[in-house]
């Protein structure tokens, strides 16, 4: 696990959790996912991946709130992340940290066909 720790008030204050490799992301792509309270502490924690837009909501939540690489591998899928990455809204510091670690994400954002 790698985490980017910055003092409060200097950019994205929450540590950014990044996996060692995208191949470790083997989460579900169908069905209903219920996130634990440490990932979804407010509102509904239930994500029906068959409903339009819910998988994007799930990925945004997990990327923003992950505390460990296991959170990422349990709820994110590599192929789905690659497909969603170019259009998903994320905090700039989080996006930059992931793209620094995985340049293929940055290439996909600039050329979705990559």
PDB file of N, CA and C in Angstrom:
ATOM      1  N   UNK A   1       0.845  -1.177   0.000  1.00  0.00           N
ATOM      2  CA  UNK A   1       0.000   0.000   0.000  1.00  0.00           C
ATOM      3  C   UNK A   1       0.884   1.230   0.000  1.00  0.00           C
ATOM      4  N   UNK A   2       0.444   2.203  -0.744  1.00  0.00           N
ATOM      5  CA  UNK A   2       1.108   3.488  -0.679  1.00  0.00           C
ATOM      6  C   UNK A   2       0.055   4.522  -0.354  1.00  0.00           C
ATOM      7  N   UNK A   3       0.431   5.506   0.411  1.00  0.00           N
ATOM      8  CA  UNK A   3      -0.500   6.562   0.778  1.00  0.00           C
ATOM      9  C   UNK A   3       0.211   7.890   0.671  1.00  0.00           C
ATOM     10  N   UNK A   4      -0.515   8.875   0.198  1.00  0.00           N
ATOM     11  CA  UNK A   4      -0.007  10.220   0.058  1.00  0.00           C
ATOM     12  C   UNK A   4      -0.519  11.009   1.255  1.00  0.00           C
ATOM     13  N   UNK A   5       0.366  11.360   2.203  1.00  0.00           N
ATOM     14  CA  UNK A   5      -0.065  12.066   3.412  1.00  0.00           C
ATOM     15  C   UNK A   5       0.387  13.514   3.333  1.00  0.00           C
ATOM     16  N   UNK A   6      -0.576  14.413   3.416  1.00  0.00           N
ATOM     17  CA  UNK A   6      -0.285  15.836   3.385  1.00  0.00           C
ATOM     18  C   UNK A   6      -0.935  16.491   4.584  1.00  0.00           C
ATOM     19  N   UNK A   7      -0.344  17.560   5.084  1.00  0.00           N
ATOM     20  CA  UNK A   7      -0.969  18.263   6.197  1.00  0.00           C
ATOM     21  C   UNK A   7      -2.313  18.844   5.772  1.00  0.00           C
ATOM     22  N   UNK A   8      -3.290  18.920   6.705  1.00  0.00           N
ATOM     23  CA  UNK A   8      -4.585  19.523   6.385  1.00  0.00           C
ATOM     24  C   UNK A   8      -4.400  20.925   5.816  1.00  0.00           C
ATOM     25  N   UNK A   9      -5.251  21.247   4.857  1.00  0.00           N
ATOM     26  CA  UNK A   9      -5.186  22.571   4.253  1.00  0.00           C
ATOM     27  C   UNK A   9      -4.235  22.656   3.077  1.00  0.00           C
ATOM     28  N   UNK A  10      -3.523  21.574   2.794  1.00  0.00           N
ATOM     29  CA  UNK A  10      -2.591  21.579   1.667  1.00  0.00           C
ATOM     30  C   UNK A  10      -3.011  20.519   0.663  1.00  0.00           C
ATOM     31  N   UNK A  11      -4.039  20.829  -0.089  1.00  0.00           N
ATOM     32  CA  UNK A  11      -4.519  19.890  -1.086  1.00  0.00           C
ATOM     33  C   UNK A  11      -5.448  18.864  -0.469  1.00  0.00           C
ATOM     34  N   UNK A  12      -5.512  17.704  -1.055  1.00  0.00           N
ATOM     35  CA  UNK A  12      -6.379  16.616  -0.611  1.00  0.00           C
ATOM     36  C   UNK A  12      -5.823  16.065   0.696  1.00  0.00           C
ATOM     37  N   UNK A  13      -6.521  16.304   1.812  1.00  0.00           N
ATOM     38  CA  UNK A  13      -5.999  15.989   3.139  1.00  0.00           C
ATOM     39  C   UNK A  13      -6.048  14.508   3.478  1.00  0.00           C
ATOM     40  N   UNK A  14      -7.000  13.771   2.949  1.00  0.00           N
ATOM     41  CA  UNK A  14      -7.140  12.355   3.271  1.00  0.00           C
ATOM     42  C   UNK A  14      -6.068  11.567   2.516  1.00  0.00           C
ATOM     43  N   UNK A  15      -5.396  10.617   3.180  1.00  0.00           N
ATOM     44  CA  UNK A  15      -4.415   9.802   2.460  1.00  0.00           C
ATOM     45  C   UNK A  15      -5.061   9.084   1.274  1.00  0.00           C
ATOM     46  N   UNK A  16      -4.354   9.035   0.181  1.00  0.00           N
ATOM     47  CA  UNK A  16      -4.825   8.354  -1.016  1.00  0.00           C
ATOM     48  C   UNK A  16      -4.250   6.939  -1.001  1.00  0.00           C
ATOM     49  N   UNK A  17      -5.112   5.952  -1.012  1.00  0.00           N
ATOM     50  CA  UNK A  17      -4.672   4.560  -1.029  1.00  0.00           C
ATOM     51  C   UNK A  17      -4.613   4.096  -2.481  1.00  0.00           C
ATOM     52  N   UNK A  18      -3.502   3.493  -2.839  1.00  0.00           N
ATOM     53  CA  UNK A  18      -3.268   3.015  -4.197  1.00  0.00           C
ATOM     54  C   UNK A  18      -2.783   1.578  -4.099  1.00  0.00           C
ATOM     55  N   UNK A  19      -3.311   0.667  -4.920  1.00  0.00           N
ATOM     56  CA  UNK A  19      -2.843  -0.718  -4.842  1.00  0.00           C
ATOM     57  C   UNK A  19      -1.446  -0.858  -5.442  1.00  0.00           C
ATOM     58  N   UNK A  20      -0.815  -1.988  -5.163  1.00  0.00           N
ATOM     59  CA  UNK A  20       0.498  -2.249  -5.747  1.00  0.00           C
ATOM     60  C   UNK A  20       0.395  -2.503  -7.251  1.00  0.00           C
ATOM     61  N   UNK A  21      -0.747  -3.050  -7.686  1.00  0.00           N
ATOM     62  CA  UNK A  21      -0.957  -3.314  -9.101  1.00  0.00           C
ATOM     63  C   UNK A  21      -2.438  -3.360  -9.420  1.00  0.00           C
ATOM     64  N   UNK A  22      -2.799  -2.968 -10.634  1.00  0.00           N
ATOM     65  CA  UNK A  22      -4.207  -2.985 -11.035  1.00  0.00           C
ATOM     66  C   UNK A  22      -4.755  -4.408 -11.122  1.00  0.00           C
ATOM     67  N   UNK A  23      -3.875  -5.395 -11.322  1.00  0.00           N
ATOM     68  CA  UNK A  23      -4.341  -6.780 -11.420  1.00  0.00           C
ATOM     69  C   UNK A  23      -4.951  -7.281 -10.110  1.00  0.00           C
ATOM     70  N   UNK A  24      -4.688  -6.587  -9.012  1.00  0.00           N
ATOM     71  CA  UNK A  24      -5.276  -6.988  -7.730  1.00  0.00           C
ATOM     72  C   UNK A  24      -6.740  -6.561  -7.600  1.00  0.00           C
ATOM     73  N   UNK A  25      -7.222  -5.748  -8.528  1.00  0.00           N
ATOM     74  CA  UNK A  25      -8.608  -5.267  -8.477  1.00  0.00           C
ATOM     75  C   UNK A  25      -9.520  -6.317  -9.113  1.00  0.00           C
ATOM     76  N   UNK A  26     -10.182  -7.089  -8.275  1.00  0.00           N
ATOM     77  CA  UNK A  26     -10.994  -8.212  -8.753  1.00  0.00           C
ATOM     78  C   UNK A  26     -12.404  -8.178  -8.168  1.00  0.00           C
ATOM     79  N   UNK A  27     -12.914  -6.983  -7.909  1.00  0.00           N
ATOM     80  CA  UNK A  27     -14.239  -6.835  -7.318  1.00  0.00           C
ATOM     81  C   UNK A  27     -15.365  -7.168  -8.276  1.00  0.00           C
ATOM     82  N   UNK A  28     -16.593  -7.117  -7.781  1.00  0.00           N
ATOM     83  CA  UNK A  28     -17.772  -7.481  -8.579  1.00  0.00           C
ATOM     84  C   UNK A  28     -18.071  -6.470  -9.686  1.00  0.00           C
ATOM     85  N   UNK A  29     -18.702  -6.964 -10.729  1.00  0.00           N
ATOM     86  CA  UNK A  29     -19.132  -6.096 -11.834  1.00  0.00           C
ATOM     87  C   UNK A  29     -20.639  -6.192 -12.062  1.00  0.00           C
ATOM     88  N   UNK A  30     -21.295  -7.099 -11.349  1.00  0.00           N
ATOM     89  CA  UNK A  30     -22.744  -7.257 -11.449  1.00  0.00           C
ATOM     90  C   UNK A  30     -23.300  -7.494 -10.053  1.00  0.00           C
ATOM     91  N   UNK A  31     -24.618  -7.417  -9.954  1.00  0.00           N
ATOM     92  CA  UNK A  31     -25.276  -7.709  -8.686  1.00  0.00           C
ATOM     93  C   UNK A  31     -25.396  -6.485  -7.799  1.00  0.00           C
ATOM     94  N   UNK A  32     -25.647  -6.743  -6.534  1.00  0.00           N
ATOM     95  CA  UNK A  32     -25.801  -5.688  -5.541  1.00  0.00           C
ATOM     96  C   UNK A  32     -24.606  -5.722  -4.599  1.00  0.00           C
ATOM     97  N   UNK A  33     -24.014  -4.563  -4.387  1.00  0.00           N
ATOM     98  CA  UNK A  33     -22.870  -4.418  -3.490  1.00  0.00           C
ATOM     99  C   UNK A  33     -23.306  -3.539  -2.328  1.00  0.00           C
ATOM    100  N   UNK A  34     -22.988  -3.966  -1.119  1.00  0.00           N
ATOM    101  CA  UNK A  34     -23.264  -3.166   0.073  1.00  0.00           C
ATOM    102  C   UNK A  34     -21.921  -2.844   0.709  1.00  0.00           C
ATOM    103  N   UNK A  35     -21.597  -1.562   0.752  1.00  0.00           N
ATOM    104  CA  UNK A  35     -20.320  -1.140   1.321  1.00  0.00           C
ATOM    105  C   UNK A  35     -20.393  -1.080   2.842  1.00  0.00           C
ATOM    106  N   UNK A  36     -19.284  -1.386   3.511  1.00  0.00           N
ATOM    107  CA  UNK A  36     -19.235  -1.280   4.971  1.00  0.00           C
ATOM    108  C   UNK A  36     -19.213   0.198   5.396  1.00  0.00           C
ATOM    109  N   UNK A  37     -19.547   0.461   6.654  1.00  0.00           N
ATOM    110  CA  UNK A  37     -19.634   1.853   7.131  1.00  0.00           C
ATOM    111  C   UNK A  37     -18.358   2.681   6.963  1.00  0.00           C
ATOM    112  N   UNK A  38     -17.176   2.060   7.013  1.00  0.00           N
ATOM    113  CA  UNK A  38     -15.966   2.872   6.863  1.00  0.00           C
ATOM    114  C   UNK A  38     -15.778   3.374   5.427  1.00  0.00           C
ATOM    115  N   UNK A  39     -16.498   2.791   4.475  1.00  0.00           N
ATOM    116  CA  UNK A  39     -16.435   3.271   3.092  1.00  0.00           C
ATOM    117  C   UNK A  39     -17.630   4.153   2.726  1.00  0.00           C
ATOM    118  N   UNK A  40     -18.770   3.850   3.286  1.00  0.00           N
ATOM    119  CA  UNK A  40     -19.983   4.639   2.990  1.00  0.00           C
ATOM    120  C   UNK A  40     -20.653   4.943   4.311  1.00  0.00           C
ATOM    121  N   UNK A  41     -20.290   6.053   4.908  1.00  0.00           N
ATOM    122  CA  UNK A  41     -20.725   6.407   6.244  1.00  0.00           C
ATOM    123  C   UNK A  41     -21.984   7.262   6.263  1.00  0.00           C
ATOM    124  N   UNK A  42     -22.464   7.678   5.101  1.00  0.00           N
ATOM    125  CA  UNK A  42     -23.659   8.519   5.042  1.00  0.00           C
ATOM    126  C   UNK A  42     -24.504   8.099   3.846  1.00  0.00           C
ATOM    127  N   UNK A  43     -25.801   8.063   4.013  1.00  0.00           N
ATOM    128  CA  UNK A  43     -26.678   7.693   2.906  1.00  0.00           C
ATOM    129  C   UNK A  43     -26.687   6.197   2.676  1.00  0.00           C
ATOM    130  N   UNK A  44     -27.287   5.807   1.574  1.00  0.00           N
ATOM    131  CA  UNK A  44     -27.416   4.390   1.260  1.00  0.00           C
ATOM    132  C   UNK A  44     -26.070   3.783   0.884  1.00  0.00           C
ATOM    133  N   UNK A  45     -25.769   2.641   1.459  1.00  0.00           N
ATOM    134  CA  UNK A  45     -24.523   1.936   1.154  1.00  0.00           C
ATOM    135  C   UNK A  45     -24.750   0.815   0.144  1.00  0.00           C
ATOM    136  N   UNK A  46     -25.950   0.768  -0.431  1.00  0.00           N
ATOM    137  CA  UNK A  46     -26.346  -0.301  -1.359  1.00  0.00           C
ATOM    138  C   UNK A  46     -26.207   0.188  -2.799  1.00  0.00           C
ATOM    139  N   UNK A  47     -25.504  -0.581  -3.608  1.00  0.00           N
ATOM    140  CA  UNK A  47     -25.275  -0.238  -5.005  1.00  0.00           C
ATOM    141  C   UNK A  47     -25.727  -1.391  -5.885  1.00  0.00           C
ATOM    142  N   UNK A  48     -26.807  -1.184  -6.612  1.00  0.00           N
ATOM    143  CA  UNK A  48     -27.271  -2.175  -7.584  1.00  0.00           C
ATOM    144  C   UNK A  48     -26.555  -1.867  -8.889  1.00  0.00           C
ATOM    145  N   UNK A  49     -25.578  -2.694  -9.230  1.00  0.00           N
ATOM    146  CA  UNK A  49     -24.734  -2.419 -10.389  1.00  0.00           C
ATOM    147  C   UNK A  49     -25.472  -2.557 -11.705  1.00  0.00           C
ATOM    148  N   UNK A  50     -26.710  -3.063 -11.668  1.00  0.00           N
ATOM    149  CA  UNK A  50     -27.533  -3.141 -12.867  1.00  0.00           C
ATOM    150  C   UNK A  50     -28.251  -1.837 -13.170  1.00  0.00           C
ATOM    151  N   UNK A  51     -28.262  -0.908 -12.225  1.00  0.00           N
ATOM    152  CA  UNK A  51     -28.916   0.385 -12.440  1.00  0.00           C
ATOM    153  C   UNK A  51     -27.930   1.369 -13.051  1.00  0.00           C
ATOM    154  N   UNK A  52     -28.367   2.135 -14.035  1.00  0.00           N
ATOM    155  CA  UNK A  52     -27.468   3.099 -14.692  1.00  0.00           C
ATOM    156  C   UNK A  52     -26.811   4.046 -13.686  1.00  0.00           C
ATOM    157  N   UNK A  53     -25.523   4.217 -13.829  1.00  0.00           N
ATOM    158  CA  UNK A  53     -24.775   5.163 -13.014  1.00  0.00           C
ATOM    159  C   UNK A  53     -24.336   4.666 -11.653  1.00  0.00           C
ATOM    160  N   UNK A  54     -24.894   3.573 -11.175  1.00  0.00           N
ATOM    161  CA  UNK A  54     -24.553   3.125  -9.818  1.00  0.00           C
ATOM    162  C   UNK A  54     -23.121   2.603  -9.715  1.00  0.00           C
ATOM    163  N   UNK A  55     -22.613   1.992 -10.782  1.00  0.00           N
ATOM    164  CA  UNK A  55     -21.243   1.486 -10.699  1.00  0.00           C
ATOM    165  C   UNK A  55     -20.249   2.647 -10.624  1.00  0.00           C
ATOM    166  N   UNK A  56     -20.547   3.748 -11.317  1.00  0.00           N
ATOM    167  CA  UNK A  56     -19.685   4.932 -11.239  1.00  0.00           C
ATOM    168  C   UNK A  56     -19.718   5.491  -9.820  1.00  0.00           C
ATOM    169  N   UNK A  57     -20.909   5.562  -9.238  1.00  0.00           N
ATOM    170  CA  UNK A  57     -21.036   6.035  -7.854  1.00  0.00           C
ATOM    171  C   UNK A  57     -20.233   5.151  -6.899  1.00  0.00           C
ATOM    172  N   UNK A  58     -20.321   3.845  -7.071  1.00  0.00           N
ATOM    173  CA  UNK A  58     -19.574   2.910  -6.233  1.00  0.00           C
ATOM    174  C   UNK A  58     -18.070   3.145  -6.368  1.00  0.00           C
ATOM    175  N   UNK A  59     -17.587   3.243  -7.594  1.00  0.00           N
ATOM    176  CA  UNK A  59     -16.148   3.405  -7.818  1.00  0.00           C
ATOM    177  C   UNK A  59     -15.654   4.717  -7.229  1.00  0.00           C
ATOM    178  N   UNK A  60     -16.395   5.795  -7.424  1.00  0.00           N
ATOM    179  CA  UNK A  60     -16.006   7.088  -6.856  1.00  0.00           C
ATOM    180  C   UNK A  60     -15.925   7.008  -5.335  1.00  0.00           C
ATOM    181  N   UNK A  61     -16.923   6.379  -4.731  1.00  0.00           N
ATOM    182  CA  UNK A  61     -16.947   6.253  -3.274  1.00  0.00           C
ATOM    183  C   UNK A  61     -15.756   5.447  -2.780  1.00  0.00           C
ATOM    184  N   UNK A  62     -15.506   4.301  -3.382  1.00  0.00           N
ATOM    185  CA  UNK A  62     -14.407   3.440  -2.935  1.00  0.00           C
ATOM    186  C   UNK A  62     -13.056   4.123  -3.151  1.00  0.00           C
ATOM    187  N   UNK A  63     -12.855   4.739  -4.286  1.00  0.00           N
ATOM    188  CA  UNK A  63     -11.584   5.423  -4.541  1.00  0.00           C
ATOM    189  C   UNK A  63     -11.344   6.543  -3.530  1.00  0.00           C
ATOM    190  N   UNK A  64     -12.381   7.272  -3.184  1.00  0.00           N
ATOM    191  CA  UNK A  64     -12.247   8.382  -2.237  1.00  0.00           C
ATOM    192  C   UNK A  64     -12.102   7.938  -0.796  1.00  0.00           C
ATOM    193  N   UNK A  65     -12.727   6.839  -0.415  1.00  0.00           N
ATOM    194  CA  UNK A  65     -12.799   6.452   0.989  1.00  0.00           C
ATOM    195  C   UNK A  65     -11.950   5.248   1.379  1.00  0.00           C
ATOM    196  N   UNK A  66     -11.327   4.577   0.440  1.00  0.00           N
ATOM    197  CA  UNK A  66     -10.547   3.375   0.755  1.00  0.00           C
ATOM    198  C   UNK A  66      -9.510   3.654   1.835  1.00  0.00           C
ATOM    199  N   UNK A  67      -9.448   2.753   2.801  1.00  0.00           N
ATOM    200  CA  UNK A  67      -8.476   2.859   3.882  1.00  0.00           C
ATOM    201  C   UNK A  67      -7.318   1.886   3.692  1.00  0.00           C
ATOM    202  N   UNK A  68      -7.540   0.839   2.888  1.00  0.00           N
ATOM    203  CA  UNK A  68      -6.523  -0.189   2.668  1.00  0.00           C
ATOM    204  C   UNK A  68      -6.584  -0.655   1.212  1.00  0.00           C
ATOM    205  N   UNK A  69      -5.520  -1.278   0.722  1.00  0.00           N
ATOM    206  CA  UNK A  69      -5.569  -1.864  -0.617  1.00  0.00           C
ATOM    207  C   UNK A  69      -6.647  -2.944  -0.719  1.00  0.00           C
ATOM    208  N   UNK A  70      -6.948  -3.608   0.390  1.00  0.00           N
ATOM    209  CA  UNK A  70      -7.985  -4.640   0.375  1.00  0.00           C
ATOM    210  C   UNK A  70      -9.351  -4.044   0.049  1.00  0.00           C
ATOM    211  N   UNK A  71      -9.615  -2.818   0.517  1.00  0.00           N
ATOM    212  CA  UNK A  71     -10.860  -2.140   0.151  1.00  0.00           C
ATOM    213  C   UNK A  71     -10.950  -2.009  -1.364  1.00  0.00           C
ATOM    214  N   UNK A  72      -9.848  -1.646  -1.979  1.00  0.00           N
ATOM    215  CA  UNK A  72      -9.818  -1.470  -3.429  1.00  0.00           C
ATOM    216  C   UNK A  72     -10.022  -2.798  -4.149  1.00  0.00           C
ATOM    217  N   UNK A  73      -9.281  -3.828  -3.746  1.00  0.00           N
ATOM    218  CA  UNK A  73      -9.361  -5.108  -4.446  1.00  0.00           C
ATOM    219  C   UNK A  73     -10.704  -5.791  -4.246  1.00  0.00           C
ATOM    220  N   UNK A  74     -11.352  -5.548  -3.123  1.00  0.00           N
ATOM    221  CA  UNK A  74     -12.641  -6.182  -2.853  1.00  0.00           C
ATOM    222  C   UNK A  74     -13.788  -5.560  -3.649  1.00  0.00           C
ATOM    223  N   UNK A  75     -13.704  -4.260  -3.941  1.00  0.00           N
ATOM    224  CA  UNK A  75     -14.851  -3.581  -4.540  1.00  0.00           C
ATOM    225  C   UNK A  75     -14.619  -3.034  -5.946  1.00  0.00           C
ATOM    226  N   UNK A  76     -13.373  -2.985  -6.408  1.00  0.00           N
ATOM    227  CA  UNK A  76     -13.087  -2.471  -7.747  1.00  0.00           C
ATOM    228  C   UNK A  76     -12.602  -3.593  -8.660  1.00  0.00           C
ATOM    229  N   UNK A  77     -12.906  -3.456  -9.936  1.00  0.00           N
ATOM    230  CA  UNK A  77     -12.489  -4.416 -10.959  1.00  0.00           C
ATOM    231  C   UNK A  77     -11.589  -3.676 -11.956  1.00  0.00           C
ATOM    232  N   UNK A  78     -10.468  -4.268 -12.284  1.00  0.00           N
ATOM    233  CA  UNK A  78      -9.489  -3.624 -13.161  1.00  0.00           C
ATOM    234  C   UNK A  78     -10.092  -3.153 -14.483  1.00  0.00           C
ATOM    235  N   UNK A  79     -10.751  -4.036 -15.207  1.00  0.00           N
ATOM    236  CA  UNK A  79     -11.299  -3.672 -16.526  1.00  0.00           C
ATOM    237  C   UNK A  79     -12.346  -2.572 -16.419  1.00  0.00           C
ATOM    238  N   UNK A  80     -13.169  -2.663 -15.397  1.00  0.00           N
ATOM    239  CA  UNK A  80     -14.204  -1.643 -15.206  1.00  0.00           C
ATOM    240  C   UNK A  80     -13.566  -0.306 -14.856  1.00  0.00           C
ATOM    241  N   UNK A  81     -12.562  -0.323 -13.987  1.00  0.00           N
ATOM    242  CA  UNK A  81     -11.867   0.918 -13.638  1.00  0.00           C
ATOM    243  C   UNK A  81     -11.257   1.563 -14.881  1.00  0.00           C
ATOM    244  N   UNK A  82     -10.606   0.761 -15.711  1.00  0.00           N
ATOM    245  CA  UNK A  82     -10.008   1.302 -16.933  1.00  0.00           C
ATOM    246  C   UNK A  82     -11.065   1.923 -17.843  1.00  0.00           C
ATOM    247  N   UNK A  83     -12.235   1.299 -17.937  1.00  0.00           N
ATOM    248  CA  UNK A  83     -13.296   1.823 -18.796  1.00  0.00           C
ATOM    249  C   UNK A  83     -13.900   3.111 -18.231  1.00  0.00           C
ATOM    250  N   UNK A  84     -14.054   3.182 -16.917  1.00  0.00           N
ATOM    251  CA  UNK A  84     -14.690   4.342 -16.292  1.00  0.00           C
ATOM    252  C   UNK A  84     -13.743   5.521 -16.096  1.00  0.00           C
ATOM    253  N   UNK A  85     -12.459   5.250 -15.961  1.00  0.00           N
ATOM    254  CA  UNK A  85     -11.485   6.262 -15.577  1.00  0.00           C
ATOM    255  C   UNK A  85     -11.549   7.552 -16.400  1.00  0.00           C
ATOM    256  N   UNK A  86     -11.625   7.497 -17.723  1.00  0.00           N
ATOM    257  CA  UNK A  86     -11.555   8.740 -18.498  1.00  0.00           C
ATOM    258  C   UNK A  86     -12.658   9.751 -18.178  1.00  0.00           C
ATOM    259  N   UNK A  87     -13.818   9.290 -17.737  1.00  0.00           N
ATOM    260  CA  UNK A  87     -14.942  10.209 -17.544  1.00  0.00           C
ATOM    261  C   UNK A  87     -15.369  10.361 -16.081  1.00  0.00           C
ATOM    262  N   UNK A  88     -14.727   9.656 -15.178  1.00  0.00           N
ATOM    263  CA  UNK A  88     -15.114   9.693 -13.775  1.00  0.00           C
ATOM    264  C   UNK A  88     -14.569  10.957 -13.108  1.00  0.00           C
ATOM    265  N   UNK A  89     -15.444  11.681 -12.366  1.00  0.00           N
ATOM    266  CA  UNK A  89     -14.985  12.832 -11.599  1.00  0.00           C
ATOM    267  C   UNK A  89     -14.309  12.345 -10.326  1.00  0.00           C
ATOM    268  N   UNK A  90     -13.094  12.842 -10.097  1.00  0.00           N
ATOM    269  CA  UNK A  90     -12.328  12.510  -8.893  1.00  0.00           C
ATOM    270  C   UNK A  90     -11.564  13.749  -8.457  1.00  0.00           C
ATOM    271  N   UNK A  91     -11.255  13.875  -7.170  1.00  0.00           N
ATOM    272  CA  UNK A  91     -10.402  14.982  -6.732  1.00  0.00           C
ATOM    273  C   UNK A  91      -9.076  14.942  -7.493  1.00  0.00           C
ATOM    274  N   UNK A  92      -8.567  16.114  -7.844  1.00  0.00           N
ATOM    275  CA  UNK A  92      -7.353  16.195  -8.662  1.00  0.00           C
ATOM    276  C   UNK A  92      -6.168  15.466  -8.026  1.00  0.00           C
ATOM    277  N   UNK A  93      -5.986  15.598  -6.722  1.00  0.00           N
ATOM    278  CA  UNK A  93      -4.845  14.947  -6.068  1.00  0.00           C
ATOM    279  C   UNK A  93      -4.962  13.429  -6.113  1.00  0.00           C
ATOM    280  N   UNK A  94      -6.166  12.919  -5.967  1.00  0.00           N
ATOM    281  CA  UNK A  94      -6.386  11.476  -6.039  1.00  0.00           C
ATOM    282  C   UNK A  94      -6.101  10.982  -7.455  1.00  0.00           C
ATOM    283  N   UNK A  95      -6.657  11.665  -8.439  1.00  0.00           N
ATOM    284  CA  UNK A  95      -6.431  11.273  -9.840  1.00  0.00           C
ATOM    285  C   UNK A  95      -4.937  11.303 -10.168  1.00  0.00           C
ATOM    286  N   UNK A  96      -4.270  12.360  -9.755  1.00  0.00           N
ATOM    287  CA  UNK A  96      -2.837  12.497 -10.039  1.00  0.00           C
ATOM    288  C   UNK A  96      -2.039  11.358  -9.400  1.00  0.00           C
ATOM    289  N   UNK A  97      -2.366  11.006  -8.159  1.00  0.00           N
ATOM    290  CA  UNK A  97      -1.647   9.925  -7.458  1.00  0.00           C
ATOM    291  C   UNK A  97      -1.808   8.595  -8.173  1.00  0.00           C
ATOM    292  N   UNK A  98      -3.037   8.289  -8.593  1.00  0.00           N
ATOM    293  CA  UNK A  98      -3.285   7.044  -9.317  1.00  0.00           C
ATOM    294  C   UNK A  98      -2.597   7.056 -10.684  1.00  0.00           C
ATOM    295  N   UNK A  99      -2.651   8.188 -11.396  1.00  0.00           N
ATOM    296  CA  UNK A  99      -2.034   8.249 -12.723  1.00  0.00           C
ATOM    297  C   UNK A  99      -0.517   8.243 -12.635  1.00  0.00           C
ATOM    298  N   UNK A 100       0.044   8.780 -11.554  1.00  0.00           N
ATOM    299  CA  UNK A 100       1.497   8.695 -11.359  1.00  0.00           C
ATOM    300  C   UNK A 100       1.917   7.238 -11.167  1.00  0.00           C
ATOM    301  N   UNK A 101       1.114   6.494 -10.417  1.00  0.00           N
ATOM    302  CA  UNK A 101       1.420   5.078 -10.136  1.00  0.00           C
ATOM    303  C   UNK A 101       1.128   4.190 -11.338  1.00  0.00           C
ATOM    304  N   UNK A 102       0.053   4.526 -12.073  1.00  0.00           N
ATOM    305  CA  UNK A 102      -0.383   3.722 -13.220  1.00  0.00           C
ATOM    306  C   UNK A 102      -0.541   4.624 -14.444  1.00  0.00           C
ATOM    307  N   UNK A 103       0.536   4.872 -15.175  1.00  0.00           N
ATOM    308  CA  UNK A 103       0.481   5.788 -16.326  1.00  0.00           C
ATOM    309  C   UNK A 103      -0.576   5.407 -17.364  1.00  0.00           C
ATOM    310  N   UNK A 104      -0.951   4.121 -17.430  1.00  0.00           N
ATOM    311  CA  UNK A 104      -1.965   3.708 -18.402  1.00  0.00           C
ATOM    312  C   UNK A 104      -3.308   4.393 -18.128  1.00  0.00           C
ATOM    313  N   UNK A 105      -3.570   4.764 -16.892  1.00  0.00           N
ATOM    314  CA  UNK A 105      -4.803   5.486 -16.582  1.00  0.00           C
ATOM    315  C   UNK A 105      -4.777   6.880 -17.205  1.00  0.00           C
ATOM    316  N   UNK A 106      -3.659   7.558 -17.081  1.00  0.00           N
ATOM    317  CA  UNK A 106      -3.525   8.883 -17.692  1.00  0.00           C
ATOM    318  C   UNK A 106      -3.630   8.819 -19.203  1.00  0.00           C
ATOM    319  N   UNK A 107      -3.037   7.788 -19.793  1.00  0.00           N
ATOM    320  CA  UNK A 107      -3.124   7.629 -21.256  1.00  0.00           C
ATOM    321  C   UNK A 107      -4.575   7.405 -21.673  1.00  0.00           C
ATOM    322  N   UNK A 108      -5.317   6.623 -20.897  1.00  0.00           N
ATOM    323  CA  UNK A 108      -6.729   6.361 -21.224  1.00  0.00           C
ATOM    324  C   UNK A 108      -7.546   7.636 -21.111  1.00  0.00           C
ATOM    325  N   UNK A 109      -7.204   8.483 -20.146  1.00  0.00           N
ATOM    326  CA  UNK A 109      -7.957   9.722 -19.971  1.00  0.00           C
ATOM    327  C   UNK A 109      -7.751  10.652 -21.163  1.00  0.00           C
ATOM    328  N   UNK A 110      -6.566  10.646 -21.714  1.00  0.00           N
ATOM    329  CA  UNK A 110      -6.276  11.511 -22.852  1.00  0.00           C
ATOM    330  C   UNK A 110      -6.623  10.855 -24.178  1.00  0.00           C
ATOM    331  N   UNK A 111      -6.682   9.522 -24.184  1.00  0.00           N
ATOM    332  CA  UNK A 111      -7.060   8.766 -25.387  1.00  0.00           C
ATOM    333  C   UNK A 111      -7.844   7.540 -24.937  1.00  0.00           C
ATOM    334  N   UNK A 112      -9.174   7.669 -24.765  1.00  0.00           N
ATOM    335  CA  UNK A 112      -9.992   6.544 -24.256  1.00  0.00           C
ATOM    336  C   UNK A 112      -9.848   5.258 -25.055  1.00  0.00           C
ATOM    337  N   UNK A 113      -9.348   5.324 -26.280  1.00  0.00           N
ATOM    338  CA  UNK A 113      -9.162   4.118 -27.089  1.00  0.00           C
ATOM    339  C   UNK A 113      -7.883   3.373 -26.699  1.00  0.00           C
ATOM    340  N   UNK A 114      -7.047   4.006 -25.860  1.00  0.00           N
ATOM    341  CA  UNK A 114      -5.743   3.388 -25.490  1.00  0.00           C
ATOM    342  C   UNK A 114      -5.939   2.101 -24.702  1.00  0.00           C
TER     343      UNK A 114
END
